[in-house]
């Protein structure tokens, strides 16, 4: 009986809708659970974008998600500003997306741009799943310029197959 109650409580936490004053950047800055993402956004010079009008949706990895990265990956990102920017922009879309509008499968342009890699999100068994692996632990956090979903995995954008120089990669 207790395990069933815990499942219900966990489901209610995931589905919780929250409305907050301020911007995406302000919410991230004041929320300990996503402080690593917030620091990386600052390091990458993306704070201004997250305070602009939007609307944007961010799929924000929790601190635990960053801790599960392979050894040295986080430091390598910090030392590669363009790679860091690409990774962070891959976690955002230039529109408002909430769990009630996802349906069976939704492909979304990321903040990398229209020619960049897409994100895929789906509602499956009452949970939001992003790119087939990241589970949203908290969804539909609404702020003045968008929506935040906290996820349990750092999403890695695919490596571009061609560069600006036309070479393969």
N, C-alpha and C. Protein backbone atom coordinates (compact mmCIF):
# COMPACT_ATOMS: atom_id res chain seq x y z
N UNK A 1 0.82 -1.20 0.00
CA UNK A 1 0.00 0.00 0.00
C UNK A 1 0.86 1.26 0.00
N UNK A 2 1.92 1.25 0.80
CA UNK A 2 2.79 2.41 0.86
C UNK A 2 3.47 2.68 -0.47
N UNK A 3 3.93 1.63 -1.16
CA UNK A 3 4.60 1.86 -2.45
C UNK A 3 3.64 2.47 -3.46
N UNK A 4 2.37 2.07 -3.45
CA UNK A 4 1.38 2.67 -4.33
C UNK A 4 1.19 4.14 -4.03
N UNK A 5 1.18 4.49 -2.75
CA UNK A 5 1.04 5.90 -2.36
C UNK A 5 2.24 6.71 -2.83
N UNK A 6 3.44 6.12 -2.74
CA UNK A 6 4.63 6.84 -3.20
C UNK A 6 4.59 7.07 -4.70
N UNK A 7 4.09 6.10 -5.45
CA UNK A 7 3.96 6.27 -6.90
C UNK A 7 3.01 7.41 -7.21
N UNK A 8 1.88 7.48 -6.49
CA UNK A 8 0.92 8.56 -6.71
C UNK A 8 1.53 9.91 -6.37
N UNK A 9 2.28 9.98 -5.28
CA UNK A 9 2.93 11.24 -4.90
C UNK A 9 3.93 11.63 -5.98
N UNK A 10 4.76 10.69 -6.44
CA UNK A 10 5.75 10.99 -7.47
C UNK A 10 5.06 11.47 -8.75
N UNK A 11 3.98 10.83 -9.14
CA UNK A 11 3.25 11.24 -10.36
C UNK A 11 2.70 12.65 -10.20
N UNK A 12 2.20 12.98 -9.02
CA UNK A 12 1.66 14.32 -8.79
C UNK A 12 2.76 15.37 -8.83
N UNK A 13 3.95 15.06 -8.34
CA UNK A 13 5.05 16.02 -8.37
C UNK A 13 5.45 16.27 -9.82
N UNK A 14 5.56 15.21 -10.63
CA UNK A 14 5.97 15.37 -12.02
C UNK A 14 4.96 16.22 -12.79
N UNK A 15 3.70 16.04 -12.55
CA UNK A 15 2.67 16.73 -13.32
C UNK A 15 2.38 18.14 -12.81
N UNK A 16 3.00 18.50 -11.73
CA UNK A 16 2.73 19.78 -11.09
C UNK A 16 2.96 20.94 -12.03
N UNK A 17 2.00 21.85 -12.07
CA UNK A 17 2.16 23.10 -12.81
C UNK A 17 2.51 24.18 -11.81
N UNK A 18 3.42 25.01 -12.20
CA UNK A 18 3.90 26.05 -11.31
C UNK A 18 4.01 27.34 -12.12
N UNK A 19 3.60 28.44 -11.54
CA UNK A 19 3.75 29.73 -12.19
C UNK A 19 4.64 30.59 -11.32
N UNK A 20 5.63 31.20 -11.94
CA UNK A 20 6.61 32.00 -11.21
C UNK A 20 6.76 33.36 -11.86
N UNK A 21 7.05 34.36 -11.03
CA UNK A 21 7.37 35.68 -11.55
C UNK A 21 8.77 35.64 -12.13
N UNK A 22 9.05 36.57 -13.00
CA UNK A 22 10.39 36.69 -13.54
C UNK A 22 10.59 35.97 -14.85
N UNK A 23 11.86 35.76 -15.18
CA UNK A 23 12.24 35.18 -16.47
C UNK A 23 12.84 33.79 -16.27
N UNK A 24 13.11 33.14 -17.38
CA UNK A 24 13.79 31.85 -17.34
C UNK A 24 15.11 31.99 -16.58
N UNK A 25 15.89 33.02 -16.91
CA UNK A 25 17.18 33.23 -16.26
C UNK A 25 17.03 33.43 -14.76
N UNK A 26 16.03 34.18 -14.33
CA UNK A 26 15.84 34.43 -12.90
C UNK A 26 15.43 33.16 -12.17
N UNK A 27 14.56 32.36 -12.78
CA UNK A 27 14.13 31.10 -12.15
C UNK A 27 15.34 30.17 -11.98
N UNK A 28 16.14 30.03 -13.04
CA UNK A 28 17.30 29.16 -12.98
C UNK A 28 18.30 29.64 -11.94
N UNK A 29 18.48 30.96 -11.84
CA UNK A 29 19.44 31.53 -10.89
C UNK A 29 19.03 31.27 -9.44
N UNK A 30 17.75 31.19 -9.15
CA UNK A 30 17.32 31.03 -7.76
C UNK A 30 16.93 29.60 -7.39
N UNK A 31 17.08 28.66 -8.31
CA UNK A 31 16.65 27.29 -8.06
C UNK A 31 17.87 26.38 -7.92
N UNK A 32 18.12 25.94 -6.70
CA UNK A 32 19.31 25.14 -6.41
C UNK A 32 19.39 23.87 -7.27
N UNK A 33 18.27 23.22 -7.50
CA UNK A 33 18.23 21.95 -8.24
C UNK A 33 18.85 22.05 -9.64
N UNK A 34 18.89 23.26 -10.20
CA UNK A 34 19.43 23.46 -11.56
C UNK A 34 20.57 24.48 -11.57
N UNK A 35 21.26 24.61 -10.45
CA UNK A 35 22.30 25.64 -10.35
C UNK A 35 23.49 25.38 -11.28
N UNK A 36 23.80 24.12 -11.57
CA UNK A 36 24.89 23.84 -12.50
C UNK A 36 24.55 24.38 -13.89
N UNK A 37 23.34 24.12 -14.34
CA UNK A 37 22.89 24.64 -15.64
C UNK A 37 22.98 26.17 -15.63
N UNK A 38 22.53 26.78 -14.55
CA UNK A 38 22.56 28.24 -14.44
C UNK A 38 23.96 28.80 -14.54
N UNK A 39 24.91 28.16 -13.88
CA UNK A 39 26.31 28.62 -13.94
C UNK A 39 26.86 28.45 -15.35
N UNK A 40 26.52 27.35 -16.01
CA UNK A 40 27.00 27.13 -17.38
C UNK A 40 26.40 28.15 -18.35
N UNK A 41 25.12 28.50 -18.15
CA UNK A 41 24.48 29.53 -18.98
C UNK A 41 25.24 30.85 -18.83
N UNK A 42 25.60 31.16 -17.61
CA UNK A 42 26.36 32.39 -17.35
C UNK A 42 27.74 32.30 -18.03
N UNK A 43 28.43 31.18 -17.86
CA UNK A 43 29.76 30.99 -18.45
C UNK A 43 29.71 31.10 -19.98
N UNK A 44 28.62 30.64 -20.58
CA UNK A 44 28.49 30.64 -22.04
C UNK A 44 28.00 31.97 -22.60
N UNK A 45 27.66 32.93 -21.72
CA UNK A 45 27.20 34.22 -22.18
C UNK A 45 25.77 34.20 -22.72
N UNK A 46 24.93 33.31 -22.19
CA UNK A 46 23.55 33.18 -22.69
C UNK A 46 22.49 33.79 -21.77
N UNK A 47 22.91 34.44 -20.69
CA UNK A 47 21.93 35.01 -19.76
C UNK A 47 21.00 36.00 -20.44
N UNK A 48 21.53 36.85 -21.28
CA UNK A 48 20.71 37.87 -21.96
C UNK A 48 19.60 37.23 -22.76
N UNK A 49 19.91 36.15 -23.49
CA UNK A 49 18.88 35.49 -24.29
C UNK A 49 17.76 34.94 -23.40
N UNK A 50 18.10 34.45 -22.21
CA UNK A 50 17.08 33.88 -21.34
C UNK A 50 16.29 34.93 -20.55
N UNK A 51 16.64 36.20 -20.75
CA UNK A 51 15.85 37.28 -20.16
C UNK A 51 15.01 37.99 -21.22
N UNK A 52 15.23 37.66 -22.50
CA UNK A 52 14.48 38.33 -23.58
C UNK A 52 13.06 37.80 -23.65
N UNK A 53 12.25 38.41 -24.49
CA UNK A 53 10.80 38.22 -24.51
C UNK A 53 10.33 36.78 -24.71
N UNK A 54 11.00 36.01 -25.55
CA UNK A 54 10.53 34.63 -25.77
C UNK A 54 9.28 34.59 -26.61
N UNK A 55 8.43 33.60 -26.47
CA UNK A 55 8.52 32.56 -25.45
C UNK A 55 9.53 31.48 -25.83
N UNK A 56 10.14 30.91 -24.80
CA UNK A 56 11.07 29.80 -24.94
C UNK A 56 10.60 28.66 -24.04
N UNK A 57 11.04 27.47 -24.37
CA UNK A 57 10.89 26.33 -23.47
C UNK A 57 12.27 25.76 -23.25
N UNK A 58 12.61 25.53 -22.00
CA UNK A 58 13.89 24.93 -21.66
C UNK A 58 13.67 23.56 -21.03
N UNK A 59 14.46 22.60 -21.48
CA UNK A 59 14.52 21.28 -20.87
C UNK A 59 15.82 21.29 -20.08
N UNK A 60 15.72 21.60 -18.78
CA UNK A 60 16.89 21.90 -17.95
C UNK A 60 17.33 20.67 -17.18
N UNK A 61 18.56 20.20 -17.43
CA UNK A 61 19.06 19.07 -16.65
C UNK A 61 19.27 19.46 -15.19
N UNK A 62 18.93 18.56 -14.30
CA UNK A 62 19.15 18.79 -12.87
C UNK A 62 20.64 18.70 -12.57
N UNK A 63 21.03 19.15 -11.40
CA UNK A 63 22.42 19.01 -10.96
C UNK A 63 22.84 17.55 -10.98
N UNK A 64 21.94 16.66 -10.56
CA UNK A 64 22.25 15.22 -10.56
C UNK A 64 22.57 14.73 -11.97
N UNK A 65 21.89 15.26 -12.97
CA UNK A 65 22.16 14.86 -14.35
C UNK A 65 23.58 15.23 -14.75
N UNK A 66 24.03 16.41 -14.35
CA UNK A 66 25.40 16.82 -14.66
C UNK A 66 26.42 15.98 -13.90
N UNK A 67 26.09 15.58 -12.68
CA UNK A 67 27.00 14.73 -11.89
C UNK A 67 27.18 13.36 -12.54
N UNK A 68 26.21 12.90 -13.31
CA UNK A 68 26.30 11.59 -13.96
C UNK A 68 27.06 11.61 -15.29
N UNK A 69 27.49 12.78 -15.74
CA UNK A 69 28.29 12.83 -16.96
C UNK A 69 29.60 12.08 -16.73
N UNK A 70 30.17 11.57 -17.81
CA UNK A 70 31.45 10.86 -17.68
C UNK A 70 32.50 11.80 -17.11
N UNK A 71 33.46 11.21 -16.43
CA UNK A 71 34.51 11.99 -15.76
C UNK A 71 35.18 12.94 -16.75
N UNK A 72 35.33 14.19 -16.33
CA UNK A 72 36.02 15.18 -17.14
C UNK A 72 35.16 15.90 -18.17
N UNK A 73 33.97 15.39 -18.45
CA UNK A 73 33.11 15.97 -19.49
C UNK A 73 32.69 17.41 -19.13
N UNK A 74 32.30 17.63 -17.89
CA UNK A 74 31.85 18.97 -17.48
C UNK A 74 33.00 19.97 -17.58
N UNK A 75 34.19 19.59 -17.14
CA UNK A 75 35.33 20.50 -17.25
C UNK A 75 35.69 20.76 -18.70
N UNK A 76 35.60 19.73 -19.54
CA UNK A 76 35.87 19.92 -20.96
C UNK A 76 34.89 20.91 -21.57
N UNK A 77 33.62 20.82 -21.18
CA UNK A 77 32.61 21.77 -21.67
C UNK A 77 32.94 23.19 -21.25
N UNK A 78 33.35 23.34 -20.00
CA UNK A 78 33.68 24.68 -19.50
C UNK A 78 34.84 25.30 -20.26
N UNK A 79 35.71 24.46 -20.82
CA UNK A 79 36.87 24.95 -21.56
C UNK A 79 36.62 25.08 -23.05
N UNK A 80 35.42 24.77 -23.50
CA UNK A 80 35.05 24.85 -24.92
C UNK A 80 33.78 25.68 -25.02
N UNK A 81 33.94 27.00 -25.06
CA UNK A 81 32.78 27.89 -25.01
C UNK A 81 31.78 27.62 -26.13
N UNK A 82 32.25 27.40 -27.36
CA UNK A 82 31.31 27.14 -28.47
C UNK A 82 30.60 25.81 -28.28
N UNK A 83 31.32 24.79 -27.84
CA UNK A 83 30.68 23.50 -27.56
C UNK A 83 29.67 23.61 -26.43
N UNK A 84 30.01 24.40 -25.41
CA UNK A 84 29.11 24.63 -24.29
C UNK A 84 27.85 25.36 -24.75
N UNK A 85 28.02 26.40 -25.55
CA UNK A 85 26.86 27.14 -26.06
C UNK A 85 25.95 26.22 -26.87
N UNK A 86 26.54 25.39 -27.73
CA UNK A 86 25.76 24.47 -28.55
C UNK A 86 24.97 23.50 -27.67
N UNK A 87 25.64 22.94 -26.66
CA UNK A 87 24.97 22.01 -25.76
C UNK A 87 23.80 22.69 -25.04
N UNK A 88 24.02 23.88 -24.52
CA UNK A 88 22.96 24.59 -23.78
C UNK A 88 21.81 24.99 -24.70
N UNK A 89 22.13 25.50 -25.88
CA UNK A 89 21.08 25.89 -26.83
C UNK A 89 20.25 24.69 -27.29
N UNK A 90 20.85 23.52 -27.28
CA UNK A 90 20.14 22.29 -27.65
C UNK A 90 19.06 21.93 -26.63
N UNK A 91 19.15 22.47 -25.43
CA UNK A 91 18.16 22.22 -24.38
C UNK A 91 16.97 23.18 -24.43
N UNK A 92 16.92 24.05 -25.45
CA UNK A 92 15.84 25.02 -25.53
C UNK A 92 15.17 25.03 -26.88
N UNK A 93 13.90 25.43 -26.89
CA UNK A 93 13.16 25.59 -28.15
C UNK A 93 12.53 26.98 -28.17
N UNK A 94 12.40 27.57 -29.37
CA UNK A 94 11.89 28.94 -29.47
C UNK A 94 10.37 29.02 -29.52
N UNK A 95 9.72 28.31 -28.62
CA UNK A 95 8.26 28.36 -28.52
C UNK A 95 7.86 27.83 -27.15
N UNK A 96 6.61 27.98 -26.81
CA UNK A 96 6.12 27.48 -25.54
C UNK A 96 5.59 26.06 -25.72
N UNK A 97 6.13 25.13 -24.94
CA UNK A 97 5.73 23.73 -25.01
C UNK A 97 5.39 23.28 -23.61
N UNK A 98 4.18 22.78 -23.41
CA UNK A 98 3.89 22.18 -22.12
C UNK A 98 3.43 20.74 -22.33
N UNK A 99 3.41 19.99 -21.26
CA UNK A 99 3.16 18.56 -21.37
C UNK A 99 1.80 18.24 -21.97
N UNK A 100 0.83 19.11 -21.81
CA UNK A 100 -0.51 18.83 -22.34
C UNK A 100 -0.59 18.97 -23.85
N UNK A 101 0.42 19.59 -24.48
CA UNK A 101 0.37 19.79 -25.94
C UNK A 101 1.29 18.85 -26.71
N UNK A 102 1.95 17.93 -26.02
CA UNK A 102 2.93 17.09 -26.70
C UNK A 102 2.33 16.02 -27.59
N UNK A 103 1.38 15.26 -27.09
CA UNK A 103 0.81 14.19 -27.89
C UNK A 103 1.78 13.04 -28.07
N UNK A 104 1.64 12.33 -29.20
CA UNK A 104 2.38 11.10 -29.44
C UNK A 104 3.87 11.34 -29.65
N UNK A 105 4.23 12.32 -30.44
CA UNK A 105 5.64 12.62 -30.67
C UNK A 105 5.73 14.01 -31.29
N UNK A 106 6.62 14.79 -30.78
CA UNK A 106 6.75 16.15 -31.29
C UNK A 106 8.22 16.44 -31.58
N UNK A 107 8.49 16.83 -32.81
CA UNK A 107 9.83 17.24 -33.19
C UNK A 107 9.89 18.76 -33.08
N UNK A 108 10.96 19.26 -32.45
CA UNK A 108 11.04 20.70 -32.19
C UNK A 108 12.39 21.25 -32.61
N UNK A 109 12.34 22.40 -33.27
CA UNK A 109 13.56 23.15 -33.57
C UNK A 109 14.15 23.61 -32.24
N UNK A 110 15.46 23.56 -32.12
CA UNK A 110 16.10 24.03 -30.90
C UNK A 110 16.60 25.46 -31.07
N UNK A 111 17.12 26.02 -30.01
CA UNK A 111 17.68 27.37 -30.06
C UNK A 111 18.99 27.42 -30.85
N UNK A 112 19.50 26.27 -31.25
CA UNK A 112 20.68 26.26 -32.14
C UNK A 112 20.29 26.91 -33.46
N UNK A 113 19.05 26.71 -33.90
CA UNK A 113 18.57 27.33 -35.12
C UNK A 113 17.86 26.34 -36.03
N UNK A 114 17.23 26.85 -37.08
CA UNK A 114 16.40 26.01 -37.95
C UNK A 114 17.16 24.91 -38.68
N UNK A 115 18.45 25.09 -38.90
CA UNK A 115 19.22 24.04 -39.58
C UNK A 115 19.92 23.12 -38.59
N UNK A 116 19.76 23.38 -37.29
CA UNK A 116 20.40 22.56 -36.27
C UNK A 116 19.61 21.30 -35.96
N UNK A 117 20.14 20.50 -35.06
CA UNK A 117 19.46 19.25 -34.68
C UNK A 117 18.15 19.54 -33.96
N UNK A 118 17.23 18.63 -34.09
CA UNK A 118 15.90 18.76 -33.47
C UNK A 118 15.84 17.98 -32.16
N UNK A 119 14.93 18.40 -31.29
CA UNK A 119 14.58 17.63 -30.10
C UNK A 119 13.28 16.89 -30.38
N UNK A 120 13.13 15.75 -29.73
CA UNK A 120 11.88 14.98 -29.84
C UNK A 120 11.35 14.77 -28.43
N UNK A 121 10.10 15.10 -28.22
CA UNK A 121 9.48 14.89 -26.92
C UNK A 121 8.15 14.19 -27.10
N UNK A 122 7.81 13.38 -26.12
CA UNK A 122 6.59 12.58 -26.18
C UNK A 122 6.09 12.38 -24.75
N UNK A 123 4.80 12.25 -24.61
CA UNK A 123 4.22 11.83 -23.34
C UNK A 123 4.02 10.33 -23.43
N UNK A 124 4.62 9.58 -22.52
CA UNK A 124 4.52 8.13 -22.52
C UNK A 124 4.27 7.66 -21.09
N UNK A 125 3.20 6.93 -20.92
CA UNK A 125 2.83 6.42 -19.59
C UNK A 125 2.76 7.55 -18.56
N UNK A 126 2.24 8.70 -18.99
CA UNK A 126 2.06 9.83 -18.08
C UNK A 126 3.32 10.62 -17.78
N UNK A 127 4.43 10.30 -18.47
CA UNK A 127 5.68 11.02 -18.24
C UNK A 127 6.19 11.62 -19.54
N UNK A 128 6.83 12.77 -19.42
CA UNK A 128 7.44 13.40 -20.58
C UNK A 128 8.82 12.76 -20.78
N UNK A 129 9.05 12.32 -22.02
CA UNK A 129 10.32 11.71 -22.40
C UNK A 129 10.92 12.56 -23.52
N UNK A 130 12.18 12.97 -23.36
CA UNK A 130 12.84 13.82 -24.34
C UNK A 130 13.99 13.03 -24.99
N UNK A 131 13.98 13.01 -26.31
CA UNK A 131 14.98 12.28 -27.09
C UNK A 131 15.10 10.81 -26.69
N UNK A 132 14.00 10.24 -26.23
CA UNK A 132 13.97 8.83 -25.92
C UNK A 132 14.70 8.40 -24.67
N UNK A 133 15.31 9.37 -23.94
CA UNK A 133 16.07 8.96 -22.76
C UNK A 133 15.92 9.85 -21.54
N UNK A 134 15.70 11.12 -21.73
CA UNK A 134 15.59 12.05 -20.60
C UNK A 134 14.15 12.09 -20.11
N UNK A 135 13.97 11.88 -18.82
CA UNK A 135 12.64 11.92 -18.22
C UNK A 135 12.48 13.25 -17.49
N UNK A 136 11.37 13.92 -17.73
CA UNK A 136 11.08 15.17 -17.03
C UNK A 136 10.62 14.84 -15.62
N UNK A 137 11.36 15.33 -14.64
CA UNK A 137 11.00 15.08 -13.24
C UNK A 137 10.05 16.15 -12.72
N UNK A 138 10.09 17.33 -13.33
CA UNK A 138 9.15 18.42 -13.02
C UNK A 138 8.80 19.06 -14.35
N UNK A 139 7.51 19.28 -14.59
CA UNK A 139 7.09 19.85 -15.86
C UNK A 139 6.29 21.12 -15.65
N UNK A 140 6.17 21.88 -16.74
CA UNK A 140 5.26 23.02 -16.82
C UNK A 140 5.50 24.10 -15.78
N UNK A 141 6.76 24.44 -15.57
CA UNK A 141 7.08 25.58 -14.70
C UNK A 141 7.00 26.81 -15.60
N UNK A 142 6.02 27.64 -15.36
CA UNK A 142 5.80 28.79 -16.22
C UNK A 142 6.41 30.05 -15.60
N UNK A 143 7.12 30.79 -16.44
CA UNK A 143 7.69 32.07 -16.05
C UNK A 143 7.27 33.08 -17.11
N UNK A 144 7.64 34.33 -16.91
CA UNK A 144 7.18 35.39 -17.80
C UNK A 144 7.54 35.21 -19.26
N UNK A 145 8.66 34.58 -19.56
CA UNK A 145 9.07 34.45 -20.96
C UNK A 145 9.19 32.99 -21.42
N UNK A 146 8.50 32.09 -20.73
CA UNK A 146 8.52 30.71 -21.21
C UNK A 146 8.15 29.66 -20.19
N UNK A 147 8.58 28.45 -20.51
CA UNK A 147 8.25 27.27 -19.72
C UNK A 147 9.52 26.46 -19.49
N UNK A 148 9.62 25.87 -18.30
CA UNK A 148 10.77 25.03 -17.95
C UNK A 148 10.27 23.64 -17.59
N UNK A 149 11.02 22.64 -18.06
CA UNK A 149 10.83 21.25 -17.65
C UNK A 149 12.18 20.79 -17.14
N UNK A 150 12.23 20.27 -15.93
CA UNK A 150 13.50 19.78 -15.38
C UNK A 150 13.62 18.31 -15.75
N UNK A 151 14.78 17.96 -16.35
CA UNK A 151 14.99 16.60 -16.84
C UNK A 151 16.15 15.93 -16.10
N UNK A 152 16.20 14.60 -16.19
CA UNK A 152 17.18 13.84 -15.43
C UNK A 152 18.43 13.47 -16.21
N UNK A 153 18.58 14.01 -17.42
CA UNK A 153 19.70 13.65 -18.29
C UNK A 153 20.18 14.89 -19.05
N UNK A 154 21.48 15.01 -19.21
CA UNK A 154 22.03 16.07 -20.06
C UNK A 154 21.91 15.59 -21.51
N UNK A 155 21.26 16.37 -22.34
CA UNK A 155 21.09 16.03 -23.75
C UNK A 155 22.32 16.48 -24.53
N UNK A 156 22.81 15.63 -25.40
CA UNK A 156 23.98 15.96 -26.20
C UNK A 156 23.56 16.11 -27.65
N UNK A 157 23.79 17.29 -28.23
CA UNK A 157 23.41 17.46 -29.63
C UNK A 157 24.30 16.59 -30.53
N UNK A 158 23.71 16.08 -31.61
CA UNK A 158 24.53 15.32 -32.55
C UNK A 158 25.63 16.22 -33.12
N UNK A 159 26.73 15.63 -33.45
CA UNK A 159 27.83 16.37 -34.04
C UNK A 159 27.47 16.66 -35.50
N UNK A 160 27.61 17.92 -35.93
CA UNK A 160 27.27 18.25 -37.32
C UNK A 160 28.11 17.42 -38.28
N UNK A 161 27.49 17.00 -39.38
CA UNK A 161 28.23 16.19 -40.36
C UNK A 161 29.01 17.04 -41.33
N UNK A 162 28.64 18.32 -41.46
CA UNK A 162 29.41 19.24 -42.31
C UNK A 162 29.63 20.53 -41.55
N UNK A 163 30.73 21.14 -41.77
CA UNK A 163 31.03 22.40 -41.12
C UNK A 163 30.91 23.55 -42.08
N UNK A 164 31.19 24.73 -41.61
CA UNK A 164 31.12 25.92 -42.44
C UNK A 164 32.13 25.87 -43.59
N UNK A 165 33.21 25.07 -43.36
CA UNK A 165 34.23 24.97 -44.40
C UNK A 165 33.87 23.92 -45.45
N UNK A 166 32.71 23.25 -45.26
CA UNK A 166 32.25 22.28 -46.25
C UNK A 166 32.83 20.90 -46.03
N UNK A 167 33.72 20.75 -45.05
CA UNK A 167 34.33 19.46 -44.79
C UNK A 167 33.42 18.55 -43.98
N UNK A 168 33.66 17.27 -44.05
CA UNK A 168 32.88 16.29 -43.29
C UNK A 168 33.37 16.25 -41.88
N UNK A 169 32.57 15.54 -40.99
CA UNK A 169 33.05 15.48 -39.63
C UNK A 169 32.37 14.56 -38.82
